[in-house]
Amino acid sequence: MTAESASVAAMIWLYRILFVPVLLVLAPAYLLRMRRRGGYGDDFSQRFGAHPNLPRNRERRRVWVQAVSVGEMLAIGPLLRELRAAGAEVYLTTTTSTGRRIAIERHSETVEKIGYFPLDWHPFVRRAWSAIKPDLIILMEGERWPEHLRQATNLGVPVISLNARLSDRAFNRLRRLGRAARLCLDGITLHLAASRQDAERLAALGVPSPRICTVGNLKLDVEVEPIGAADAARLREQLGLRDGPVLVGASTWPGEEAALLGAWRSARAQGHMGSLLLVPRHAERRGEIESFLRDAGVSVHFRSQGPAATAVDVVVADTTGELRRLTQLADVVFVGKSLPPHTEGQTPVEAAALEKPLLMGPGMANFRTIAKELVSRGAARTVTDSSALAQEVTLLLADREAAVAMAGRAAAWHRENQGALARSVREIRRFLP
């Protein structure tokens, strides 16, 4: 054993030793979050590696695909169909209960099995690997689990990091880890980087250039199922939306609902507003949001309560997997997790694909390149605070010609930046003889 391999072996054993105490410290908050979200009871033992042993057809390659949550699960649909067409059988895992629900609803007929990704501790990971027996691993975006990657290395199974991204936080964290960052990177055979910046960051962390391929952001190949005018009218009625323009807050985080309510009130005072449609990033915040809106003195309907009895001021879509459909009702879309103190941003891609004028706060670190391109193209505008948000919403609703032009530029940008799926499939097929 070389000194270098001995160093890596020592680091993985240190990781294994520290994993349990760290897990115990984090477990209370983790379990509380699971309780709030609900839906974790089914197949919970799979988190400890208790996956079913599936019969093997040696003529087909088994691909284990891990997509952490809802956004990744929605984006991965076309790839799963391509893998099936290539003769592979897919074992699909996710981390969240909402991701699992979307997987069952959308991908059950495409994949062999759907389950939960195991906790990254040696006994659990080894148990899962013994049951699944994959020939290829595909990890979506930021999934880089040391024990999982170590198992792949030991068994000689190639690992592809698909739509590989490094947020500011992840990049800085890995840089601070120094040599220990190799635990999260060395086991990956090929990084299919979502952008040039992501590729440059991987290289800065020491990933050899032959193991990096920039293919573009898979989420730019988003599938949009348009709804017709009749369906849109029925959906508006079910939601309780008033006649007139609709302001959509897409994937909002704490504090942003208040800013959007202020913008809605400002636009309404100018005679430009129908209803406000809030789509919070986490549906389990419904109690907090309901309390705030009741105190604000507005009429409210929650999507989870079924069809609305009457038209209301504010609709809260406290459901999962409906953002693309609901966004089609929007006249203006605000992209969440972007107003201070939030800094990371949610994806603006779906709204751009749906040809909607976009507003976003300054905190778009996770989509910095995309946000910069949209703003520079005149397809989106940045608002610094709640006051600026209110001003821009009113301006766009008052000047529909400008809003339509913005929307057209957003759709044009989206069309020009598609193709990541085809490039990704081409690289993945090299591992599927």
Protein backbone atom coordinates (compact mmCIF):
# COMPACT_ATOMS: atom_id res chain seq x y z
CA MET A 1 0.00 0.00 0.00
CA THR A 2 1.37 3.40 -0.99
CA ALA A 3 1.52 6.29 1.46
CA GLU A 4 -1.24 8.02 -0.50
CA SER A 5 -3.63 5.06 -0.40
CA ALA A 6 -2.83 4.54 3.30
CA SER A 7 -3.78 8.16 3.94
CA VAL A 8 -7.13 7.71 2.20
CA ALA A 9 -7.76 4.48 4.14
CA ALA A 10 -7.04 6.27 7.42
CA MET A 11 -9.43 9.09 6.50
CA ILE A 12 -12.29 6.72 5.67
CA TRP A 13 -11.84 4.94 9.00
CA LEU A 14 -11.88 8.28 10.82
CA TYR A 15 -15.09 9.11 8.91
CA ARG A 16 -16.63 5.82 10.02
CA ILE A 17 -15.71 6.42 13.65
CA LEU A 18 -17.04 9.99 13.70
CA PHE A 19 -20.22 9.23 11.74
CA VAL A 20 -22.19 7.73 14.64
CA PRO A 21 -21.64 10.50 17.23
CA VAL A 22 -22.32 13.17 14.62
CA LEU A 23 -25.48 11.33 13.56
CA LEU A 24 -26.68 11.15 17.15
CA VAL A 25 -26.18 14.89 17.57
CA LEU A 26 -28.06 15.69 14.37
CA ALA A 27 -30.78 13.04 14.74
CA PRO A 28 -33.30 15.06 16.85
CA ALA A 29 -33.53 17.91 14.33
CA TYR A 30 -33.55 15.43 11.45
CA LEU A 31 -36.37 13.35 12.98
CA LEU A 32 -38.39 16.48 13.77
CA ARG A 33 -38.16 17.59 10.16
CA MET A 34 -39.22 14.14 9.01
CA ARG A 35 -42.22 14.24 11.33
CA ARG A 36 -43.29 17.64 10.02
CA ARG A 37 -43.05 16.55 6.39
CA GLY A 38 -44.66 13.17 7.01
CA GLY A 39 -44.71 10.15 4.71
CA TYR A 40 -41.52 8.55 6.01
CA GLY A 41 -43.11 5.44 7.51
CA ASP A 42 -43.05 3.30 4.36
CA ASP A 43 -39.80 1.43 3.73
CA PHE A 44 -38.03 3.34 6.51
CA SER A 45 -35.74 0.35 7.11
CA GLN A 46 -34.15 1.01 3.71
CA ARG A 47 -32.34 3.94 5.34
CA PHE A 48 -30.47 1.28 7.29
CA GLY A 49 -29.64 -0.67 4.14
CA ALA A 50 -32.57 -3.14 4.19
CA HIS A 51 -33.26 -3.10 0.45
CA PRO A 52 -34.90 -6.05 -1.31
CA ASN A 53 -32.76 -8.54 -3.21
CA LEU A 54 -33.88 -8.25 -6.82
CA PRO A 55 -33.31 -11.08 -9.31
CA ARG A 56 -30.63 -10.25 -11.85
CA ASN A 57 -30.79 -10.45 -15.63
CA ARG A 58 -27.11 -10.59 -16.52
CA GLU A 59 -27.87 -9.34 -20.03
CA ARG A 60 -29.00 -6.00 -18.60
CA ARG A 61 -26.86 -3.49 -16.75
CA ARG A 62 -28.28 -2.39 -13.39
CA VAL A 63 -27.95 1.34 -12.79
CA TRP A 64 -28.45 2.77 -9.30
CA VAL A 65 -29.67 6.36 -9.63
CA GLN A 66 -29.82 8.64 -6.58
CA ALA A 67 -31.87 11.85 -6.88
CA VAL A 68 -32.13 13.56 -3.53
CA SER A 69 -35.49 15.36 -3.67
CA VAL A 70 -38.35 16.78 -5.73
CA GLY A 71 -36.44 19.04 -8.14
CA GLU A 72 -33.94 16.35 -9.07
CA MET A 73 -36.67 13.72 -9.31
CA LEU A 74 -38.61 15.87 -11.77
CA ALA A 75 -35.53 16.67 -13.85
CA ILE A 76 -34.39 13.08 -14.17
CA GLY A 77 -37.46 11.71 -15.95
CA PRO A 78 -36.11 11.96 -19.53
CA LEU A 79 -32.82 10.34 -18.49
CA LEU A 80 -34.62 7.39 -16.91
CA ARG A 81 -36.43 6.77 -20.18
CA GLU A 82 -33.14 6.96 -22.07
CA LEU A 83 -31.58 4.42 -19.72
CA ARG A 84 -34.51 2.07 -20.21
CA ALA A 85 -34.23 2.47 -23.99
CA ALA A 86 -30.54 1.60 -23.71
CA GLY A 87 -31.50 -1.73 -22.11
CA ALA A 88 -30.54 -0.82 -18.54
CA GLU A 89 -32.64 -1.54 -15.47
CA VAL A 90 -32.78 1.29 -12.96
CA TYR A 91 -32.90 1.12 -9.17
CA LEU A 92 -34.02 4.60 -8.18
CA THR A 93 -33.48 6.01 -4.69
CA THR A 94 -34.23 9.33 -3.06
CA THR A 95 -33.72 10.97 0.33
CA THR A 96 -36.99 12.76 1.11
CA SER A 97 -40.55 11.53 1.44
CA THR A 98 -41.68 14.14 -1.09
CA GLY A 99 -39.05 12.94 -3.55
CA ARG A 100 -40.25 9.37 -3.06
CA ARG A 101 -43.85 10.37 -3.70
CA ILE A 102 -42.91 12.08 -6.97
CA ALA A 103 -40.81 9.06 -7.97
CA ILE A 104 -43.76 6.70 -7.44
CA GLU A 105 -46.19 8.98 -9.28
CA ARG A 106 -43.97 9.64 -12.29
CA HIS A 107 -41.37 6.90 -12.66
CA SER A 108 -42.89 3.63 -11.42
CA GLU A 109 -43.33 2.28 -14.95
CA THR A 110 -39.82 3.29 -16.03
CA VAL A 111 -37.69 1.85 -13.22
CA GLU A 112 -37.40 -1.57 -11.59
CA LYS A 113 -37.63 -0.38 -8.00
CA ILE A 114 -37.94 2.81 -5.96
CA GLY A 115 -36.44 3.14 -2.48
CA TYR A 116 -34.70 5.34 0.06
CA PHE A 117 -30.97 6.06 -0.06
CA PRO A 118 -29.21 4.50 2.96
CA LEU A 119 -27.50 6.50 5.67
CA ASP A 120 -23.82 6.74 4.80
CA TRP A 121 -22.46 4.46 7.52
CA HIS A 122 -20.42 1.42 6.58
CA PRO A 123 -22.79 -1.36 7.78
CA PHE A 124 -25.84 0.28 6.19
CA VAL A 125 -24.12 1.05 2.88
CA ARG A 126 -22.56 -2.39 2.59
CA ARG A 127 -25.94 -4.01 3.30
CA ALA A 128 -27.62 -1.92 0.58
CA TRP A 129 -24.91 -2.66 -1.96
CA SER A 130 -25.16 -6.39 -1.26
CA ALA A 131 -28.87 -6.27 -2.08
CA ILE A 132 -28.85 -3.90 -5.08
CA LYS A 133 -25.63 -5.10 -6.78
CA PRO A 134 -25.31 -2.19 -9.25
CA ASP A 135 -23.14 -2.11 -12.36
CA LEU A 136 -23.16 1.70 -12.55
CA ILE A 137 -23.93 4.49 -10.09
CA ILE A 138 -25.43 7.85 -11.11
CA LEU A 139 -25.54 10.55 -8.43
CA MET A 140 -27.51 13.72 -9.09
CA GLU A 141 -25.95 17.14 -8.46
CA GLY A 142 -24.32 17.44 -5.02
CA GLU A 143 -24.57 13.83 -3.84
CA ARG A 144 -21.03 12.87 -2.78
CA TRP A 145 -21.16 10.34 0.07
CA PRO A 146 -17.74 9.01 1.15
CA GLU A 147 -18.86 5.53 2.23
CA HIS A 148 -20.98 5.06 -0.87
CA LEU A 149 -18.07 6.12 -3.07
CA ARG A 150 -15.66 3.89 -1.14
CA GLN A 151 -17.88 0.88 -1.73
CA ALA A 152 -17.94 1.66 -5.47
CA THR A 153 -14.14 1.90 -5.54
CA ASN A 154 -13.68 -1.38 -3.68
CA LEU A 155 -16.03 -3.20 -6.06
CA GLY A 156 -14.79 -1.51 -9.23
CA VAL A 157 -18.17 0.05 -10.04
CA PRO A 158 -18.01 3.31 -12.04
CA VAL A 159 -19.72 6.37 -10.57
CA ILE A 160 -21.07 9.29 -12.61
CA SER A 161 -21.90 12.61 -10.95
CA LEU A 162 -24.73 13.90 -13.15
CA ASN A 163 -25.52 17.61 -13.37
CA ALA A 164 -22.55 18.03 -11.02
CA ARG A 165 -22.76 21.29 -9.14
CA LEU A 166 -20.72 22.99 -6.43
CA SER A 167 -22.52 25.81 -4.63
CA ASP A 168 -20.49 28.50 -2.89
CA ARG A 169 -21.06 26.72 0.41
CA ALA A 170 -20.11 23.26 -0.89
CA PHE A 171 -17.02 24.57 -2.69
CA ASN A 172 -15.74 26.47 0.34
CA ARG A 173 -16.46 23.53 2.63
CA LEU A 174 -14.51 21.10 0.44
CA ARG A 175 -11.61 23.56 0.17
CA ARG A 176 -11.45 23.80 3.96
CA LEU A 177 -11.35 20.01 4.21
CA GLY A 178 -8.09 19.94 2.26
CA ARG A 179 -6.94 16.37 1.57
CA ALA A 180 -10.02 14.99 3.31
CA ALA A 181 -12.11 16.34 0.42
CA ARG A 182 -10.79 13.40 -1.59
CA LEU A 183 -13.28 11.20 0.27
CA CYS A 184 -16.06 13.06 -1.56
CA LEU A 185 -14.37 13.23 -4.97
CA ASP A 186 -11.91 10.38 -5.63
CA GLY A 187 -14.54 7.67 -6.02
CA ILE A 188 -16.33 9.52 -8.83
CA THR A 189 -15.31 8.24 -12.25
CA LEU A 190 -16.79 11.09 -14.29
CA HIS A 191 -18.18 14.49 -13.29
CA LEU A 192 -20.74 15.76 -15.81
CA ALA A 193 -20.54 19.41 -14.80
CA ALA A 194 -23.64 21.60 -15.01
CA SER A 195 -21.64 24.69 -15.97
CA ARG A 196 -18.16 25.93 -16.77
CA GLN A 197 -17.91 27.40 -13.27
CA ASP A 198 -18.69 24.02 -11.71
CA ALA A 199 -16.03 22.40 -13.89
CA GLU A 200 -13.47 25.02 -12.86
CA ARG A 201 -14.28 24.49 -9.19
CA LEU A 202 -13.88 20.71 -9.51
CA ALA A 203 -10.49 21.26 -11.15
CA ALA A 204 -9.49 23.66 -8.37
CA LEU A 205 -10.25 20.90 -5.86
CA GLY A 206 -7.82 18.59 -7.64
CA VAL A 207 -10.11 16.54 -9.87
CA PRO A 208 -8.09 15.53 -12.98
CA SER A 209 -9.36 17.12 -16.20
CA PRO A 210 -10.08 13.76 -17.94
CA ARG A 211 -12.67 13.10 -15.23
CA ILE A 212 -14.55 16.36 -15.88
CA CYS A 213 -16.90 16.95 -18.80
CA THR A 214 -19.04 20.11 -19.04
CA VAL A 215 -22.41 19.10 -20.48
CA GLY A 216 -24.67 21.89 -19.20
CA ASN A 217 -27.50 21.96 -16.72
CA LEU A 218 -29.89 19.02 -17.07
CA LYS A 219 -32.69 21.13 -15.59
CA LEU A 220 -32.55 23.37 -18.65
CA ASP A 221 -34.05 20.44 -20.57
CA VAL A 222 -37.08 20.69 -18.30
CA GLU A 223 -40.23 19.00 -19.59
CA VAL A 224 -43.22 21.31 -19.52
CA GLU A 225 -46.73 19.96 -20.04
CA PRO A 226 -48.75 22.98 -21.17
CA ILE A 227 -52.32 23.31 -19.95
CA GLY A 228 -54.98 24.61 -22.29
CA ALA A 229 -57.22 27.59 -21.71
CA ALA A 230 -60.11 25.44 -20.44
CA ASP A 231 -57.88 23.57 -17.98
CA ALA A 232 -56.32 26.84 -16.82
CA ALA A 233 -59.77 28.29 -16.15
CA ARG A 234 -60.80 25.22 -14.15
CA LEU A 235 -57.55 25.32 -12.18
CA ARG A 236 -58.04 29.00 -11.37
CA GLU A 237 -61.52 28.22 -10.08
CA GLN A 238 -60.31 25.27 -7.99
CA LEU A 239 -57.61 27.43 -6.42
CA GLY A 240 -59.94 30.35 -5.74
CA LEU A 241 -57.99 32.87 -7.80
CA ARG A 242 -59.74 36.17 -8.45
CA ASP A 243 -60.15 37.63 -11.93
CA GLY A 244 -57.13 39.66 -12.93
CA PRO A 245 -53.35 39.20 -12.93
CA VAL A 246 -51.68 36.60 -10.70
CA LEU A 247 -48.40 37.11 -8.86
CA VAL A 248 -46.66 33.78 -8.14
CA GLY A 249 -44.06 33.34 -5.42
CA ALA A 250 -42.15 30.26 -6.57
CA SER A 251 -40.46 28.15 -3.86
CA THR A 252 -40.61 30.83 -1.19
CA TRP A 253 -38.71 30.81 2.10
CA PRO A 254 -39.43 32.54 5.44
CA GLY A 255 -39.81 36.29 5.10
CA GLU A 256 -40.53 36.22 1.39
CA GLU A 257 -44.26 35.61 1.84
CA ALA A 258 -44.46 38.94 3.70
CA ALA A 259 -42.55 40.71 0.93
CA LEU A 260 -44.85 39.23 -1.71
CA LEU A 261 -47.96 40.16 0.25
CA GLY A 262 -46.67 43.74 0.38
CA ALA A 263 -46.08 43.69 -3.38
CA TRP A 264 -49.57 42.30 -3.97
CA ARG A 265 -51.13 45.02 -1.82
CA SER A 266 -49.15 47.73 -3.59
CA ALA A 267 -50.20 46.48 -7.04
CA ARG A 268 -53.81 46.07 -5.92
CA ALA A 269 -53.87 49.66 -4.69
CA GLN A 270 -52.93 50.68 -8.26
CA GLY A 271 -55.73 48.52 -9.68
CA HIS A 272 -53.42 45.92 -11.25
CA MET A 273 -53.88 42.80 -9.16
CA GLY A 274 -56.09 39.76 -8.83
CA SER A 275 -54.68 37.16 -6.41
CA LEU A 276 -51.36 36.19 -4.91
CA LEU A 277 -50.33 32.54 -5.36
CA LEU A 278 -47.67 31.36 -2.91
CA VAL A 279 -45.81 28.09 -3.51
CA PRO A 280 -43.61 27.60 -0.40
CA ARG A 281 -40.50 25.48 -0.83
CA HIS A 282 -41.50 23.38 2.18
CA ALA A 283 -45.16 22.50 2.51
CA GLU A 284 -44.76 21.74 6.23
CA ARG A 285 -44.57 25.52 6.83
CA ARG A 286 -48.32 25.77 6.20
CA GLY A 287 -49.12 26.47 9.87
CA GLU A 288 -46.61 29.32 10.08
CA ILE A 289 -47.82 30.81 6.79
CA GLU A 290 -51.50 30.49 7.73
CA SER A 291 -50.94 32.29 11.03
CA PHE A 292 -49.13 35.14 9.26
CA LEU A 293 -51.81 35.54 6.57
CA ARG A 294 -54.70 35.43 9.04
CA ASP A 295 -53.03 38.14 11.09
CA ALA A 296 -52.58 40.16 7.89
CA GLY A 297 -56.35 40.20 7.42
CA VAL A 298 -56.53 38.64 3.95
CA SER A 299 -58.74 35.81 2.75
CA VAL A 300 -56.79 32.58 2.22
CA HIS A 301 -57.23 29.17 0.64
CA PHE A 302 -54.82 26.24 1.00
CA ARG A 303 -54.48 23.90 -1.96
CA SER A 304 -54.34 20.85 0.34
CA GLN A 305 -57.91 21.61 1.49
CA GLY A 306 -59.37 20.78 -1.92
CA PRO A 307 -61.34 23.09 -4.25
CA ALA A 308 -61.91 26.62 -2.96
CA ALA A 309 -65.49 27.57 -2.05
CA THR A 310 -65.00 31.14 -3.22
CA ALA A 311 -62.39 33.48 -4.68
CA VAL A 312 -59.74 34.64 -2.20
CA ASP A 313 -56.90 37.14 -1.93
CA VAL A 314 -54.10 34.62 -1.33
CA VAL A 315 -53.76 30.97 -2.38
CA VAL A 316 -51.12 28.81 -0.73
CA ALA A 317 -50.08 25.77 -2.77
CA ASP A 318 -49.00 23.57 0.14
CA THR A 319 -48.64 20.53 -2.11
CA THR A 320 -45.74 18.87 -3.89
CA GLY A 321 -44.77 18.62 -7.55
CA GLU A 322 -47.26 21.20 -8.91
CA LEU A 323 -45.01 24.22 -9.40
CA ARG A 324 -44.70 23.84 -13.18
CA ARG A 325 -48.46 23.56 -13.57
CA LEU A 326 -49.27 26.43 -11.25
CA THR A 327 -46.64 28.71 -12.77
CA GLN A 328 -48.61 28.62 -16.02
CA LEU A 329 -51.27 30.77 -14.32
CA ALA A 330 -48.76 33.51 -13.47
CA ASP A 331 -48.49 36.97 -14.94
CA VAL A 332 -45.32 37.69 -12.94
CA VAL A 333 -43.09 35.16 -11.13
CA PHE A 334 -40.83 35.85 -8.17
CA VAL A 335 -38.05 33.29 -7.60
CA GLY A 336 -37.75 32.35 -3.94
CA LYS A 337 -34.85 31.95 -1.51
CA SER A 338 -33.28 35.05 -3.04
CA LEU A 339 -34.29 38.01 -0.83
CA PRO A 340 -32.05 38.79 2.18
CA PRO A 341 -31.18 37.03 4.41
CA HIS A 342 -31.45 34.19 1.88
CA THR A 343 -28.53 33.92 -0.51
CA GLU A 344 -28.75 30.69 -2.51
CA GLY A 345 -31.85 31.06 -4.68
CA GLN A 346 -34.22 28.54 -6.22
CA THR A 347 -34.24 27.64 -9.89
CA PRO A 348 -35.65 30.20 -12.35
CA VAL A 349 -35.47 27.72 -15.23
CA GLU A 350 -39.05 26.43 -15.12
CA ALA A 351 -40.57 29.92 -15.15
CA ALA A 352 -38.27 30.92 -18.04
CA ALA A 353 -39.27 27.80 -19.98
CA LEU A 354 -42.91 28.71 -19.41
CA GLU A 355 -42.29 32.20 -20.85
CA LYS A 356 -42.92 34.23 -17.72
CA PRO A 357 -41.40 37.60 -16.71
CA LEU A 358 -39.06 36.95 -13.78
CA LEU A 359 -38.16 38.83 -10.62
CA MET A 360 -35.52 37.60 -8.19
CA GLY A 361 -33.61 38.85 -5.20
CA PRO A 362 -29.82 39.35 -5.18
CA GLY A 363 -29.16 36.00 -3.46
CA MET A 364 -28.96 33.58 -6.39
CA ALA A 365 -25.66 31.86 -5.56
CA ASN A 366 -26.81 28.37 -6.58
CA PHE A 367 -27.92 29.71 -9.96
CA ARG A 368 -25.51 32.60 -10.30
CA THR A 369 -24.61 32.03 -13.95
CA ILE A 370 -28.20 31.40 -15.01
CA ALA A 371 -29.49 34.44 -13.11
CA LYS A 372 -26.76 36.65 -14.59
CA GLU A 373 -27.59 35.51 -18.12
CA LEU A 374 -31.32 36.05 -17.65
CA VAL A 375 -30.81 39.56 -16.26
CA SER A 376 -28.30 40.49 -18.97
CA ARG A 377 -30.75 39.31 -21.63
CA GLY A 378 -33.53 41.45 -20.17
CA ALA A 379 -35.51 38.32 -19.31
CA ALA A 380 -35.39 38.94 -15.55
CA ARG A 381 -34.94 41.79 -13.09
CA THR A 382 -33.18 41.80 -9.74
CA VAL A 383 -34.93 43.37 -6.76
CA THR A 384 -32.85 44.25 -3.73
CA ASP A 385 -35.58 44.24 -1.08
CA SER A 386 -39.32 44.09 -0.46
CA SER A 387 -39.81 47.72 -1.48
CA ALA A 388 -38.09 47.16 -4.82
CA LEU A 389 -40.12 43.97 -5.31
CA ALA A 390 -43.38 45.89 -4.86
CA GLN A 391 -42.24 48.56 -7.30
CA GLU A 392 -41.24 46.10 -10.03
CA VAL A 393 -44.41 44.02 -9.69
CA THR A 394 -46.54 47.14 -10.13
CA LEU A 395 -44.47 48.30 -13.10
CA LEU A 396 -44.72 44.97 -14.92
CA LEU A 397 -48.46 44.69 -14.37
CA ALA A 398 -48.97 48.27 -15.53
CA ASP A 399 -46.81 47.82 -18.65
CA ARG A 400 -47.96 44.54 -20.16
CA GLU A 401 -45.96 45.14 -23.33
CA ALA A 402 -42.72 45.21 -21.32
CA ALA A 403 -43.77 42.09 -19.39
CA VAL A 404 -44.54 40.18 -22.60
CA ALA A 405 -41.17 41.19 -24.05
CA MET A 406 -39.39 39.96 -20.91
CA ALA A 407 -41.26 36.68 -21.09
CA GLY A 408 -40.31 36.18 -24.74
CA ARG A 409 -36.64 36.79 -23.97
CA ALA A 410 -36.81 34.25 -21.10
CA ALA A 411 -38.23 31.59 -23.43
CA ALA A 412 -35.62 32.37 -26.10
CA TRP A 413 -32.82 32.03 -23.54
CA HIS A 414 -34.22 28.67 -22.45
CA ARG A 415 -34.41 27.31 -26.01
CA GLU A 416 -30.84 28.35 -26.74
CA ASN A 417 -29.46 26.59 -23.66
CA GLN A 418 -31.04 23.17 -24.01
CA GLY A 419 -29.13 20.01 -24.96
CA ALA A 420 -27.61 18.89 -21.65
CA LEU A 421 -29.67 15.69 -21.68
CA ALA A 422 -28.33 14.53 -25.05
CA ARG A 423 -24.75 15.33 -24.06
CA SER A 424 -25.16 13.54 -20.71
CA VAL A 425 -26.69 10.44 -22.31
CA ARG A 426 -23.84 10.27 -24.78
CA GLU A 427 -21.29 10.15 -21.95
CA ILE A 428 -23.32 7.70 -19.83
CA ARG A 429 -23.74 5.27 -22.73
CA ARG A 430 -19.98 4.70 -22.70
CA PHE A 431 -20.55 2.85 -19.42
CA LEU A 432 -23.45 0.78 -20.76
CA PRO A 433 -21.95 -1.65 -23.29
